[in-house]
Protein backbone atom coordinates (compact mmCIF):
# COMPACT_ATOMS: atom_id res chain seq x y z
CA MET A 1 39.47 -237.57 -65.84
CA HIS A 2 38.30 -234.35 -67.05
CA SER A 3 38.22 -230.56 -66.33
CA CYS A 4 34.19 -229.32 -65.84
CA PRO A 5 32.66 -226.63 -68.53
CA GLY A 6 31.01 -224.61 -65.59
CA CYS A 7 33.71 -224.58 -63.59
CA GLY A 8 36.81 -226.17 -64.30
CA LYS A 9 37.68 -227.69 -61.89
CA TRP A 10 38.40 -231.74 -62.56
CA VAL A 11 34.82 -233.89 -62.82
CA TYR A 12 34.79 -237.38 -60.97
CA LEU A 13 31.83 -239.40 -61.81
CA SER A 14 31.18 -240.46 -58.05
CA ARG A 15 31.36 -239.84 -54.40
CA ARG A 16 33.34 -242.29 -54.12
CA ALA A 17 35.50 -241.61 -57.03
CA ALA A 18 36.49 -238.24 -55.84
CA ARG A 19 37.31 -239.38 -52.18
CA ARG A 20 39.43 -242.42 -53.30
CA VAL A 21 41.12 -239.22 -55.64
CA ALA A 22 40.91 -236.82 -52.59
CA LYS A 23 42.49 -239.56 -49.76
CA ALA A 24 45.42 -241.56 -52.48
CA VAL A 25 46.80 -237.90 -53.95
CA TYR A 26 46.20 -235.96 -50.42
CA PRO A 27 46.83 -238.67 -47.99
CA SER A 28 47.08 -235.93 -44.83
CA ASP A 29 44.48 -233.58 -45.71
CA SER A 30 41.50 -234.19 -43.60
CA THR A 31 39.78 -231.18 -44.90
CA LEU A 32 39.01 -232.18 -47.90
CA ALA A 33 35.48 -233.41 -49.14
CA ALA A 34 33.72 -234.45 -52.26
CA TYR A 35 30.94 -232.08 -53.09
CA GLU A 36 28.78 -232.46 -56.69
CA CYS A 37 29.19 -229.00 -58.96
CA GLN A 38 26.49 -226.90 -58.88
CA ASP A 39 26.93 -225.91 -62.65
CA ARG A 40 26.23 -230.19 -63.89
CA PRO A 41 24.75 -232.69 -61.53
CA GLY A 42 25.81 -235.56 -60.77
CA VAL A 43 29.61 -235.17 -61.85
CA TRP A 44 32.30 -234.30 -58.62
CA HIS A 45 34.94 -232.46 -57.07
CA ILE A 46 36.97 -232.30 -54.10
CA GLY A 47 37.72 -229.27 -51.98
CA HIS A 48 38.71 -228.08 -48.68
CA LEU A 49 35.70 -227.69 -47.05
CA ARG A 50 35.29 -224.22 -45.14
CA PRO A 51 36.86 -223.02 -41.96
CA ALA A 52 33.05 -223.06 -39.90
CA VAL A 53 32.79 -226.41 -41.00
CA VAL A 54 36.73 -226.89 -39.87
CA HIS A 55 35.94 -225.85 -36.22
CA GLY A 56 32.86 -227.25 -36.08
CA HIS A 57 30.68 -223.28 -35.82
CA LEU A 58 28.13 -224.73 -38.91
CA PRO A 59 27.33 -228.80 -39.80
CA ARG A 60 28.53 -229.14 -43.74
CA GLY A 61 24.45 -229.35 -44.47
CA VAL A 62 24.43 -225.53 -44.79
CA TYR A 63 26.77 -225.31 -48.43
CA ARG A 64 24.69 -228.28 -49.72
CA GLU A 65 20.69 -226.31 -49.04
CA ASP A 66 21.64 -223.10 -50.31
CA GLY A 67 23.81 -224.13 -53.36
CA SER A 68 27.03 -222.08 -51.96
């Protein structure tokens, strides 16, 4: 595991690997999600879902489509 040169976050080589780490390290945090890096497509990071998604106001896909 190493940090991403584009954004500085930890890099995972697959979505599955990122999800496994999130569940192993933070088992009670259901707001963590794996997402593909915007700077380096093909690598994955873990992070918290945005509040609007957690509360059901927006679907997860909204942020993927517009690149934010």
